[in-house]
Amino acid sequence: MPRIVTYNVHRCVGNDRQLDVSRVADVLAALRPDIVALQELDVGRARTRHIDQAHEIARQLDMACHFHAALKVEEELYGDAILTTFPEKLIQVGPLPGHPRLPALEPRGALWVEVEIEGAPVQIINTHLGLVPREQQMQASFLAGPSWLEHPRCKGPTILLGDFNATGTSIVYRTLTARLEAARLLAPKRSPTSTFPSQLPVLRIDHLFVSREIVVQDVFAPYDPLTRLASDHLPLVMDFDLTPEIKTSAEAARETAEA
């Protein structure tokens, strides 16, 4: 059964203020994911010893990696990544709209990779929204629009995930659940899914949203000594499957191609 994880890694600096990329990789290795969406990665930045965190974590997990830099300062990059063991291809990356009256806010972006699961294409979109409510609303509406979730490719199995900096009562949440469903509400059992702050998680601001072709089996935020230390967020994990109709269609397409 496929497993996907979203994890804000806080540039691999833990709650002990120590930079430790391998510790973040250890958190993920213990979870045995097939797809990982990461936020707050440094690549080539002086403050984190010029490490390419995205590709180093991918190397340690033996996964393919696509990185998008939401912020570029000369040769220093900061952004998000999607890692996977499945066959994959990059569809698009891009910035999210910022607040027109607050241009100094941290730029935000999104990253879209298509993976192949049992012959079926599945769209994975990773994002990290801003902190200002008006800015968040603009970014959520943009993601829900024609460039992203309303794109023709997203008519099939689709997962949107990441750090939305917004709870389940927010306009952001309502905007996105008008297009997709909140994965945690589809899980057969209700497990803890609050992710922030990691040492005492009381806020649910990291989310997984899924299309109807995704069959959610479990959603949970692992809480243990390592996850409490490695970042200021807990990872959020989803086990899932594809609907029988999608599997049948993929099998038929494969048989036709081989005929």
C-alpha atoms as a PDB file:
ATOM      1  CA  MET A   1       0.000   0.000   0.000  1.00  0.00           C
ATOM      2  CA  PRO A   2       1.475   3.374  -0.952  1.00  0.00           C
ATOM      3  CA  ARG A   3       2.496   5.756   1.802  1.00  0.00           C
ATOM      4  CA  ILE A   4       2.952   9.519   1.433  1.00  0.00           C
ATOM      5  CA  VAL A   5       4.421  11.938   3.980  1.00  0.00           C
ATOM      6  CA  THR A   6       4.400  15.720   4.229  1.00  0.00           C
ATOM      7  CA  TYR A   7       7.042  17.212   6.502  1.00  0.00           C
ATOM      8  CA  ASN A   8       8.151  20.762   7.241  1.00  0.00           C
ATOM      9  CA  VAL A   9      11.771  20.118   8.197  1.00  0.00           C
ATOM     10  CA  HIS A  10      12.675  23.647   9.418  1.00  0.00           C
ATOM     11  CA  ARG A  11      15.858  23.644   7.285  1.00  0.00           C
ATOM     12  CA  CYS A  12      16.911  20.481   9.185  1.00  0.00           C
ATOM     13  CA  VAL A  13      17.466  22.437  12.402  1.00  0.00           C
ATOM     14  CA  GLY A  14      15.838  20.654  15.320  1.00  0.00           C
ATOM     15  CA  ASN A  15      14.403  21.816  18.593  1.00  0.00           C
ATOM     16  CA  ASP A  16      17.871  21.419  20.082  1.00  0.00           C
ATOM     17  CA  ARG A  17      19.036  24.087  17.550  1.00  0.00           C
ATOM     18  CA  GLN A  18      21.349  21.558  15.920  1.00  0.00           C
ATOM     19  CA  LEU A  19      21.620  21.244  12.152  1.00  0.00           C
ATOM     20  CA  ASP A  20      21.252  17.551  11.335  1.00  0.00           C
ATOM     21  CA  VAL A  21      20.150  16.490   7.858  1.00  0.00           C
ATOM     22  CA  SER A  22      20.694  12.812   8.636  1.00  0.00           C
ATOM     23  CA  ARG A  23      18.329  13.041  11.599  1.00  0.00           C
ATOM     24  CA  VAL A  24      15.550  14.235   9.303  1.00  0.00           C
ATOM     25  CA  ALA A  25      16.375  11.415   6.894  1.00  0.00           C
ATOM     26  CA  ASP A  26      16.207   8.971   9.813  1.00  0.00           C
ATOM     27  CA  VAL A  27      12.707  10.197  10.705  1.00  0.00           C
ATOM     28  CA  LEU A  28      11.610   9.546   7.152  1.00  0.00           C
ATOM     29  CA  ALA A  29      13.429   6.232   6.794  1.00  0.00           C
ATOM     30  CA  ALA A  30      11.593   4.913   9.848  1.00  0.00           C
ATOM     31  CA  LEU A  31       8.290   5.760   8.167  1.00  0.00           C
ATOM     32  CA  ARG A  32       9.202   3.890   4.939  1.00  0.00           C
ATOM     33  CA  PRO A  33       7.395   6.291   2.575  1.00  0.00           C
ATOM     34  CA  ASP A  34       6.963   5.962  -1.170  1.00  0.00           C
ATOM     35  CA  ILE A  35       6.399   9.708  -1.657  1.00  0.00           C
ATOM     36  CA  VAL A  36       7.659  12.583   0.492  1.00  0.00           C
ATOM     37  CA  ALA A  37       6.744  16.279   0.313  1.00  0.00           C
ATOM     38  CA  LEU A  38       9.227  18.488   2.167  1.00  0.00           C
ATOM     39  CA  GLN A  39       9.026  22.166   3.058  1.00  0.00           C
ATOM     40  CA  GLU A  40      11.622  24.667   4.347  1.00  0.00           C
ATOM     41  CA  LEU A  41      14.703  23.183   2.730  1.00  0.00           C
ATOM     42  CA  ASP A  42      17.979  25.048   2.353  1.00  0.00           C
ATOM     43  CA  VAL A  43      20.132  24.433  -0.710  1.00  0.00           C
ATOM     44  CA  GLY A  44      23.602  25.956  -0.809  1.00  0.00           C
ATOM     45  CA  ARG A  45      22.950  28.412   2.022  1.00  0.00           C
ATOM     46  CA  ALA A  46      25.719  29.641   4.283  1.00  0.00           C
ATOM     47  CA  ARG A  47      23.548  29.393   7.401  1.00  0.00           C
ATOM     48  CA  THR A  48      23.292  25.602   6.897  1.00  0.00           C
ATOM     49  CA  ARG A  49      26.831  24.874   5.688  1.00  0.00           C
ATOM     50  CA  HIS A  50      25.949  25.082   1.978  1.00  0.00           C
ATOM     51  CA  ILE A  51      24.360  21.620   2.052  1.00  0.00           C
ATOM     52  CA  ASP A  52      21.911  20.692  -0.688  1.00  0.00           C
ATOM     53  CA  GLN A  53      19.402  19.397   1.836  1.00  0.00           C
ATOM     54  CA  ALA A  54      16.833  18.221  -0.706  1.00  0.00           C
ATOM     55  CA  HIS A  55      19.169  15.981  -2.640  1.00  0.00           C
ATOM     56  CA  GLU A  56      21.076  14.825   0.442  1.00  0.00           C
ATOM     57  CA  ILE A  57      17.878  13.564   2.076  1.00  0.00           C
ATOM     58  CA  ALA A  58      16.886  11.957  -1.231  1.00  0.00           C
ATOM     59  CA  ARG A  59      20.302  10.309  -1.485  1.00  0.00           C
ATOM     60  CA  GLN A  60      20.039   8.851   2.014  1.00  0.00           C
ATOM     61  CA  LEU A  61      16.559   7.509   1.259  1.00  0.00           C
ATOM     62  CA  ASP A  62      17.469   6.349  -2.262  1.00  0.00           C
ATOM     63  CA  MET A  63      14.648   8.370  -3.811  1.00  0.00           C
ATOM     64  CA  ALA A  64      14.308  10.600  -6.861  1.00  0.00           C
ATOM     65  CA  CYS A  65      14.071  14.307  -6.030  1.00  0.00           C
ATOM     66  CA  HIS A  66      12.513  17.426  -7.521  1.00  0.00           C
ATOM     67  CA  PHE A  67      13.224  20.741  -5.772  1.00  0.00           C
ATOM     68  CA  HIS A  68      11.615  24.138  -6.241  1.00  0.00           C
ATOM     69  CA  ALA A  69      13.263  27.278  -4.873  1.00  0.00           C
ATOM     70  CA  ALA A  70      10.611  29.674  -3.624  1.00  0.00           C
ATOM     71  CA  LEU A  71      13.391  32.046  -2.523  1.00  0.00           C
ATOM     72  CA  LYS A  72      16.639  32.766  -4.360  1.00  0.00           C
ATOM     73  CA  VAL A  73      19.383  35.007  -3.033  1.00  0.00           C
ATOM     74  CA  GLU A  74      22.286  34.817  -5.473  1.00  0.00           C
ATOM     75  CA  GLU A  75      23.397  31.166  -5.243  1.00  0.00           C
ATOM     76  CA  GLU A  76      21.442  30.435  -2.065  1.00  0.00           C
ATOM     77  CA  LEU A  77      18.081  28.669  -2.402  1.00  0.00           C
ATOM     78  CA  TYR A  78      15.195  27.926  -0.052  1.00  0.00           C
ATOM     79  CA  GLY A  79      12.102  25.954  -0.893  1.00  0.00           C
ATOM     80  CA  ASP A  80      10.265  22.674  -1.163  1.00  0.00           C
ATOM     81  CA  ALA A  81      10.782  19.229  -2.665  1.00  0.00           C
ATOM     82  CA  ILE A  82       9.033  16.044  -3.684  1.00  0.00           C
ATOM     83  CA  LEU A  83      10.879  12.743  -3.296  1.00  0.00           C
ATOM     84  CA  THR A  84       9.625   9.374  -4.520  1.00  0.00           C
ATOM     85  CA  THR A  85      10.510   5.790  -5.307  1.00  0.00           C
ATOM     86  CA  PHE A  86       7.795   5.603  -7.998  1.00  0.00           C
ATOM     87  CA  PRO A  87       8.322   6.409 -11.675  1.00  0.00           C
ATOM     88  CA  GLU A  88       7.918  10.177 -11.855  1.00  0.00           C
ATOM     89  CA  LYS A  89       8.045  13.282 -13.977  1.00  0.00           C
ATOM     90  CA  LEU A  90       7.990  16.954 -13.131  1.00  0.00           C
ATOM     91  CA  ILE A  91       4.859  18.721 -14.368  1.00  0.00           C
ATOM     92  CA  GLN A  92       5.416  22.265 -13.151  1.00  0.00           C
ATOM     93  CA  VAL A  93       6.761  24.546 -10.447  1.00  0.00           C
ATOM     94  CA  GLY A  94       5.891  28.144  -9.792  1.00  0.00           C
ATOM     95  CA  PRO A  95       5.392  31.002  -7.371  1.00  0.00           C
ATOM     96  CA  LEU A  96       2.186  31.680  -5.480  1.00  0.00           C
ATOM     97  CA  PRO A  97       0.718  35.190  -5.379  1.00  0.00           C
ATOM     98  CA  GLY A  98       1.935  37.450  -2.623  1.00  0.00           C
ATOM     99  CA  HIS A  99       0.146  40.192  -0.728  1.00  0.00           C
ATOM    100  CA  PRO A 100       0.230  43.303  -2.953  1.00  0.00           C
ATOM    101  CA  ARG A 101       0.658  45.646   0.012  1.00  0.00           C
ATOM    102  CA  LEU A 102       3.283  43.546   1.778  1.00  0.00           C
ATOM    103  CA  PRO A 103       5.970  42.834  -0.828  1.00  0.00           C
ATOM    104  CA  ALA A 104       8.576  42.022   1.822  1.00  0.00           C
ATOM    105  CA  LEU A 105       6.797  38.830   2.871  1.00  0.00           C
ATOM    106  CA  GLU A 106       8.602  35.557   2.239  1.00  0.00           C
ATOM    107  CA  PRO A 107       7.829  34.307  -1.283  1.00  0.00           C
ATOM    108  CA  ARG A 108       5.885  31.046  -1.533  1.00  0.00           C
ATOM    109  CA  GLY A 109       5.582  28.428  -4.237  1.00  0.00           C
ATOM    110  CA  ALA A 110       4.225  25.076  -5.304  1.00  0.00           C
ATOM    111  CA  LEU A 111       5.715  21.989  -6.914  1.00  0.00           C
ATOM    112  CA  TRP A 112       3.815  19.413  -8.992  1.00  0.00           C
ATOM    113  CA  VAL A 113       5.104  15.943  -9.817  1.00  0.00           C
ATOM    114  CA  GLU A 114       3.224  13.120 -11.510  1.00  0.00           C
ATOM    115  CA  VAL A 115       3.990   9.631 -10.186  1.00  0.00           C
ATOM    116  CA  GLU A 116       2.919   6.291 -11.587  1.00  0.00           C
ATOM    117  CA  ILE A 117       1.260   3.880  -9.154  1.00  0.00           C
ATOM    118  CA  GLU A 118       0.243   0.481 -10.534  1.00  0.00           C
ATOM    119  CA  GLY A 119       0.237   1.978 -13.995  1.00  0.00           C
ATOM    120  CA  ALA A 120      -2.005   4.913 -13.068  1.00  0.00           C
ATOM    121  CA  PRO A 121      -0.832   8.557 -13.094  1.00  0.00           C
ATOM    122  CA  VAL A 122      -1.253  10.287  -9.730  1.00  0.00           C
ATOM    123  CA  GLN A 123      -0.742  14.037  -9.368  1.00  0.00           C
ATOM    124  CA  ILE A 124       1.224  15.188  -6.295  1.00  0.00           C
ATOM    125  CA  ILE A 125       1.253  18.907  -5.471  1.00  0.00           C
ATOM    126  CA  ASN A 126       3.382  20.164  -2.588  1.00  0.00           C
ATOM    127  CA  THR A 127       3.076  23.690  -1.224  1.00  0.00           C
ATOM    128  CA  HIS A 128       3.860  25.968   1.706  1.00  0.00           C
ATOM    129  CA  LEU A 129       1.506  28.896   2.188  1.00  0.00           C
ATOM    130  CA  GLY A 130       2.255  32.248   3.808  1.00  0.00           C
ATOM    131  CA  LEU A 131       1.416  33.502   7.276  1.00  0.00           C
ATOM    132  CA  VAL A 132      -0.859  36.484   6.554  1.00  0.00           C
ATOM    133  CA  PRO A 133      -4.557  35.506   6.189  1.00  0.00           C
ATOM    134  CA  ARG A 134      -5.222  37.643   3.092  1.00  0.00           C
ATOM    135  CA  GLU A 135      -2.118  36.286   1.425  1.00  0.00           C
ATOM    136  CA  GLN A 136      -3.132  32.719   2.322  1.00  0.00           C
ATOM    137  CA  GLN A 137      -6.578  33.229   0.799  1.00  0.00           C
ATOM    138  CA  MET A 138      -5.067  34.446  -2.462  1.00  0.00           C
ATOM    139  CA  GLN A 139      -2.655  31.514  -2.560  1.00  0.00           C
ATOM    140  CA  ALA A 140      -5.350  28.911  -1.811  1.00  0.00           C
ATOM    141  CA  SER A 141      -7.626  30.359  -4.508  1.00  0.00           C
ATOM    142  CA  PHE A 142      -4.745  30.296  -6.980  1.00  0.00           C
ATOM    143  CA  LEU A 143      -4.027  26.638  -6.195  1.00  0.00           C
ATOM    144  CA  ALA A 144      -7.718  25.808  -6.606  1.00  0.00           C
ATOM    145  CA  GLY A 145      -7.777  27.509 -10.009  1.00  0.00           C
ATOM    146  CA  PRO A 146      -7.001  26.552 -13.628  1.00  0.00           C
ATOM    147  CA  SER A 147      -3.220  26.518 -13.344  1.00  0.00           C
ATOM    148  CA  TRP A 148      -3.246  23.855 -10.659  1.00  0.00           C
ATOM    149  CA  LEU A 149      -6.213  21.874  -9.288  1.00  0.00           C
ATOM    150  CA  GLU A 150      -8.544  22.739 -12.166  1.00  0.00           C
ATOM    151  CA  HIS A 151      -5.915  21.742 -14.703  1.00  0.00           C
ATOM    152  CA  PRO A 152      -7.091  18.823 -16.912  1.00  0.00           C
ATOM    153  CA  ARG A 153      -4.373  16.546 -15.473  1.00  0.00           C
ATOM    154  CA  CYS A 154      -6.035  16.863 -12.044  1.00  0.00           C
ATOM    155  CA  LYS A 155      -9.277  15.254 -13.219  1.00  0.00           C
ATOM    156  CA  GLY A 156      -7.805  11.930 -12.055  1.00  0.00           C
ATOM    157  CA  PRO A 157      -6.103  10.860  -8.801  1.00  0.00           C
ATOM    158  CA  THR A 158      -4.685  13.958  -7.107  1.00  0.00           C
ATOM    159  CA  ILE A 159      -3.080  14.710  -3.736  1.00  0.00           C
ATOM    160  CA  LEU A 160      -2.405  18.243  -2.510  1.00  0.00           C
ATOM    161  CA  LEU A 161      -0.306  18.409   0.635  1.00  0.00           C
ATOM    162  CA  GLY A 162       2.064  20.570   2.608  1.00  0.00           C
ATOM    163  CA  ASP A 163       2.245  23.234   5.290  1.00  0.00           C
ATOM    164  CA  PHE A 164      -0.759  25.527   4.847  1.00  0.00           C
ATOM    165  CA  ASN A 165      -0.233  27.569   8.025  1.00  0.00           C
ATOM    166  CA  ALA A 166      -4.013  27.356   8.442  1.00  0.00           C
ATOM    167  CA  THR A 167      -6.336  25.260  10.578  1.00  0.00           C
ATOM    168  CA  GLY A 168      -9.492  23.390   9.685  1.00  0.00           C
ATOM    169  CA  THR A 169     -11.675  26.397  10.482  1.00  0.00           C
ATOM    170  CA  SER A 170      -9.905  28.737   8.042  1.00  0.00           C
ATOM    171  CA  ILE A 171     -11.016  30.135   4.692  1.00  0.00           C
ATOM    172  CA  VAL A 172      -7.968  28.410   3.196  1.00  0.00           C
ATOM    173  CA  TYR A 173      -9.248  25.039   4.365  1.00  0.00           C
ATOM    174  CA  ARG A 174     -12.757  25.720   3.082  1.00  0.00           C
ATOM    175  CA  THR A 175     -11.430  26.890  -0.276  1.00  0.00           C
ATOM    176  CA  LEU A 176      -9.411  23.731  -0.809  1.00  0.00           C
ATOM    177  CA  THR A 177     -12.045  21.317   0.489  1.00  0.00           C
ATOM    178  CA  ALA A 178     -14.454  22.760  -2.069  1.00  0.00           C
ATOM    179  CA  ARG A 179     -12.196  21.123  -4.679  1.00  0.00           C
ATOM    180  CA  LEU A 180     -10.728  18.147  -2.775  1.00  0.00           C
ATOM    181  CA  GLU A 181     -11.513  16.259   0.430  1.00  0.00           C
ATOM    182  CA  ALA A 182      -9.613  16.397   3.710  1.00  0.00           C
ATOM    183  CA  ALA A 183      -7.856  13.043   3.957  1.00  0.00           C
ATOM    184  CA  ARG A 184      -8.062  12.759   7.730  1.00  0.00           C
ATOM    185  CA  LEU A 185     -11.866  12.828   7.583  1.00  0.00           C
ATOM    186  CA  LEU A 186     -11.872   9.882   5.160  1.00  0.00           C
ATOM    187  CA  ALA A 187      -9.653   7.617   7.255  1.00  0.00           C
ATOM    188  CA  PRO A 188     -11.451   4.619   8.814  1.00  0.00           C
ATOM    189  CA  LYS A 189     -10.007   5.508  12.215  1.00  0.00           C
ATOM    190  CA  ARG A 190      -9.218   8.880  13.728  1.00  0.00           C
ATOM    191  CA  SER A 191      -5.577   9.151  14.750  1.00  0.00           C
ATOM    192  CA  PRO A 192      -3.830  12.258  16.095  1.00  0.00           C
ATOM    193  CA  THR A 193      -3.012  14.585  13.183  1.00  0.00           C
ATOM    194  CA  SER A 194      -1.887  17.801  14.901  1.00  0.00           C
ATOM    195  CA  THR A 195       1.648  18.633  13.836  1.00  0.00           C
ATOM    196  CA  PHE A 196       2.715  21.922  15.399  1.00  0.00           C
ATOM    197  CA  PRO A 197       4.658  22.606  17.516  1.00  0.00           C
ATOM    198  CA  SER A 198       6.272  19.195  17.450  1.00  0.00           C
ATOM    199  CA  GLN A 199       7.069  19.029  21.157  1.00  0.00           C
ATOM    200  CA  LEU A 200       3.453  19.671  22.117  1.00  0.00           C
ATOM    201  CA  PRO A 201       1.372  19.460  18.935  1.00  0.00           C
ATOM    202  CA  VAL A 202      -1.881  21.351  19.344  1.00  0.00           C
ATOM    203  CA  LEU A 203      -2.326  22.871  15.867  1.00  0.00           C
ATOM    204  CA  ARG A 204      -3.343  21.080  12.679  1.00  0.00           C
ATOM    205  CA  ILE A 205      -1.716  23.259  10.006  1.00  0.00           C
ATOM    206  CA  ASP A 206      -0.126  20.579   7.822  1.00  0.00           C
ATOM    207  CA  HIS A 207      -2.740  18.925   5.633  1.00  0.00           C
ATOM    208  CA  LEU A 208      -3.439  16.290   3.004  1.00  0.00           C
ATOM    209  CA  PHE A 209      -6.254  16.871   0.516  1.00  0.00           C
ATOM    210  CA  VAL A 210      -7.290  14.139  -1.911  1.00  0.00           C
ATOM    211  CA  SER A 211      -9.531  13.574  -4.924  1.00  0.00           C
ATOM    212  CA  ARG A 212     -12.261  10.926  -4.908  1.00  0.00           C
ATOM    213  CA  GLU A 213     -10.001   8.435  -6.717  1.00  0.00           C
ATOM    214  CA  ILE A 214      -7.811   8.179  -3.593  1.00  0.00           C
ATOM    215  CA  VAL A 215      -8.900   5.615  -0.977  1.00  0.00           C
ATOM    216  CA  VAL A 216      -7.553   6.789   2.385  1.00  0.00           C
ATOM    217  CA  GLN A 217      -6.568   4.001   4.769  1.00  0.00           C
ATOM    218  CA  ASP A 218      -4.901   5.952   7.578  1.00  0.00           C
ATOM    219  CA  VAL A 219      -3.667   9.444   8.421  1.00  0.00           C
ATOM    220  CA  PHE A 220      -1.478  10.105  11.459  1.00  0.00           C
ATOM    221  CA  ALA A 221       1.281  12.311  12.864  1.00  0.00           C
ATOM    222  CA  PRO A 222       3.987  10.129  14.470  1.00  0.00           C
ATOM    223  CA  TYR A 223       4.928  11.452  17.895  1.00  0.00           C
ATOM    224  CA  ASP A 224       8.097   9.975  19.385  1.00  0.00           C
ATOM    225  CA  PRO A 225      11.432  11.210  20.768  1.00  0.00           C
ATOM    226  CA  LEU A 226      12.969  11.555  17.308  1.00  0.00           C
ATOM    227  CA  THR A 227      10.064  13.372  15.621  1.00  0.00           C
ATOM    228  CA  ARG A 228       9.724  15.699  18.609  1.00  0.00           C
ATOM    229  CA  LEU A 229      13.372  16.723  18.216  1.00  0.00           C
ATOM    230  CA  ALA A 230      14.172  16.720  14.495  1.00  0.00           C
ATOM    231  CA  SER A 231      11.981  19.682  13.444  1.00  0.00           C
ATOM    232  CA  ASP A 232       9.440  22.133  14.840  1.00  0.00           C
ATOM    233  CA  HIS A 233       6.721  20.218  12.915  1.00  0.00           C
ATOM    234  CA  LEU A 234       5.766  16.568  13.096  1.00  0.00           C
ATOM    235  CA  PRO A 235       5.520  14.677   9.834  1.00  0.00           C
ATOM    236  CA  LEU A 236       2.010  13.865   8.615  1.00  0.00           C
ATOM    237  CA  VAL A 237       1.570  10.412   7.079  1.00  0.00           C
ATOM    238  CA  MET A 238      -1.121   8.936   4.842  1.00  0.00           C
ATOM    239  CA  ASP A 239      -1.533   5.329   3.740  1.00  0.00           C
ATOM    240  CA  PHE A 240      -3.773   5.083   0.699  1.00  0.00           C
ATOM    241  CA  ASP A 241      -4.881   3.092  -2.295  1.00  0.00           C
ATOM    242  CA  LEU A 242      -6.481   3.851  -5.649  1.00  0.00           C
ATOM    243  CA  THR A 243     -10.095   3.033  -6.420  1.00  0.00           C
ATOM    244  CA  PRO A 244     -10.747  -0.253  -8.266  1.00  0.00           C
ATOM    245  CA  GLU A 245     -11.987   1.737 -11.267  1.00  0.00           C
ATOM    246  CA  ILE A 246      -8.650   3.547 -11.603  1.00  0.00           C
ATOM    247  CA  LYS A 247      -6.707   0.290 -11.284  1.00  0.00           C
ATOM    248  CA  THR A 248      -8.904  -1.422 -13.887  1.00  0.00           C
ATOM    249  CA  SER A 249      -8.528   1.489 -16.292  1.00  0.00           C
ATOM    250  CA  ALA A 250      -4.744   1.506 -15.850  1.00  0.00           C
ATOM    251  CA  GLU A 251      -4.564  -2.244 -16.432  1.00  0.00           C
ATOM    252  CA  ALA A 252      -6.666  -1.975 -19.576  1.00  0.00           C
ATOM    253  CA  ALA A 253      -4.459   0.816 -20.896  1.00  0.00           C
ATOM    254  CA  ARG A 254      -1.357  -1.249 -20.188  1.00  0.00           C
ATOM    255  CA  GLU A 255      -2.773  -4.306 -21.997  1.00  0.00           C
ATOM    256  CA  THR A 256      -3.725  -2.174 -24.992  1.00  0.00           C
ATOM    257  CA  ALA A 257      -0.240  -0.683 -25.140  1.00  0.00           C
ATOM    258  CA  GLU A 258       1.330  -4.146 -25.036  1.00  0.00           C
ATOM    259  CA  ALA A 259      -0.982  -5.627 -27.693  1.00  0.00           C
END
